[in-house]
Amino acid sequence: MDGSWTGHGSCGIQLPLDDRSELLENVDSRYALVIVAAKRARQINNYHHQLGEGTFDQFLPPLVESRSKNYLTMALEEIGEGKIKYTYPT
């Protein structure tokens, strides 16, 4: 493996090259991108589940208007637009 990231695989998410470089501008590594996107996708999923339960106080709604219904795609769009900030625990 040459270390390049293609942005697609068995999950079926394919991003144009300019979108990938935009994503990597908002995080300090590919590893951070994966971790932050996965965590945010889980938060978005939990938000949608809490809507069905009638509670609205624990999770934030998606921070971008997305055409996608895929939570990981929504999370990546949030990262690409700079809406997600993260810090490393000390």
Protein backbone atom coordinates (compact mmCIF):
# COMPACT_ATOMS: atom_id res chain seq x y z
CA MET A 1 0.00 0.00 0.00
CA ASP A 2 1.46 3.37 -0.98
CA GLY A 3 -0.26 5.42 1.73
CA SER A 4 -2.63 7.21 -0.65
CA TRP A 5 -6.23 7.49 0.38
CA THR A 6 -8.78 6.78 -2.31
CA GLY A 7 -11.84 7.63 -0.27
CA HIS A 8 -13.80 4.59 -1.36
CA GLY A 9 -13.99 0.94 -0.52
CA SER A 10 -16.49 -1.55 0.73
CA CYS A 11 -18.54 1.19 2.42
CA GLY A 12 -19.42 2.68 -0.98
CA ILE A 13 -18.53 6.28 -0.15
CA GLN A 14 -16.71 7.95 -3.03
CA LEU A 15 -15.45 11.49 -2.80
CA PRO A 16 -14.01 13.61 -5.59
CA LEU A 17 -10.33 14.48 -5.15
CA ASP A 18 -11.03 18.14 -4.34
CA ASP A 19 -13.44 17.08 -1.56
CA ARG A 20 -10.81 14.78 -0.06
CA SER A 21 -8.18 17.50 0.06
CA GLU A 22 -10.75 19.86 1.59
CA LEU A 23 -11.44 17.31 4.33
CA LEU A 24 -7.77 16.88 5.13
CA GLU A 25 -7.35 20.66 5.47
CA ASN A 26 -9.66 20.59 8.50
CA VAL A 27 -7.91 17.77 10.39
CA ASP A 28 -4.28 17.05 11.10
CA SER A 29 -4.20 13.46 9.82
CA ARG A 30 -6.20 10.79 8.02
CA TYR A 31 -6.47 8.96 11.32
CA ALA A 32 -8.08 11.99 12.96
CA LEU A 33 -10.47 12.29 10.01
CA VAL A 34 -11.65 8.70 10.45
CA ILE A 35 -12.04 8.97 14.23
CA VAL A 36 -13.80 12.36 14.19
CA ALA A 37 -16.13 11.38 11.32
CA ALA A 38 -17.08 8.08 12.96
CA LYS A 39 -17.77 9.71 16.32
CA ARG A 40 -19.85 12.49 14.76
CA ALA A 41 -21.79 9.99 12.62
CA ARG A 42 -22.73 8.12 15.80
CA GLN A 43 -23.87 11.40 17.38
CA ILE A 44 -26.05 12.20 14.36
CA ASN A 45 -27.49 8.69 14.49
CA ASN A 46 -28.27 9.12 18.18
CA TYR A 47 -29.89 12.49 17.48
CA HIS A 48 -32.28 10.90 14.97
CA HIS A 49 -33.11 8.11 17.42
CA GLN A 50 -33.85 10.57 20.22
CA LEU A 51 -36.29 12.40 17.93
CA GLY A 52 -38.41 9.26 17.83
CA GLU A 53 -38.33 9.09 21.62
CA GLY A 54 -39.42 12.71 22.03
CA THR A 55 -36.23 13.90 23.73
CA PHE A 56 -34.19 16.73 22.24
CA ASP A 57 -31.57 17.69 24.78
CA GLN A 58 -28.67 15.25 24.51
CA PHE A 59 -27.37 15.30 20.91
CA LEU A 60 -26.90 18.09 18.37
CA PRO A 61 -28.70 17.92 15.03
CA PRO A 62 -26.68 17.79 11.80
CA LEU A 63 -24.82 21.08 11.31
CA VAL A 64 -25.15 21.12 7.51
CA GLU A 65 -27.98 20.76 5.03
CA SER A 66 -27.24 17.48 3.30
CA ARG A 67 -28.84 15.70 0.39
CA SER A 68 -27.58 12.44 1.87
CA LYS A 69 -29.37 10.30 4.41
CA ASN A 70 -26.07 8.62 5.33
CA TYR A 71 -24.83 9.79 8.73
CA LEU A 72 -21.16 9.28 7.85
CA THR A 73 -21.58 11.41 4.74
CA MET A 74 -23.24 14.12 6.84
CA ALA A 75 -20.33 13.99 9.30
CA LEU A 76 -17.77 14.26 6.48
CA GLU A 77 -19.67 17.24 5.04
CA GLU A 78 -19.57 18.92 8.45
CA ILE A 79 -15.82 18.35 8.67
CA GLY A 80 -15.31 19.60 5.11
CA GLU A 81 -17.16 22.82 5.90
CA GLY A 82 -15.12 23.36 9.08
CA LYS A 83 -18.15 22.96 11.38
CA ILE A 84 -16.45 20.31 13.53
CA LYS A 85 -13.54 21.15 15.81
CA TYR A 86 -11.75 18.58 17.91
CA THR A 87 -8.98 18.45 20.48
CA TYR A 88 -6.82 15.63 21.70
CA PRO A 89 -7.22 14.63 25.33
CA THR A 90 -4.25 15.59 27.49
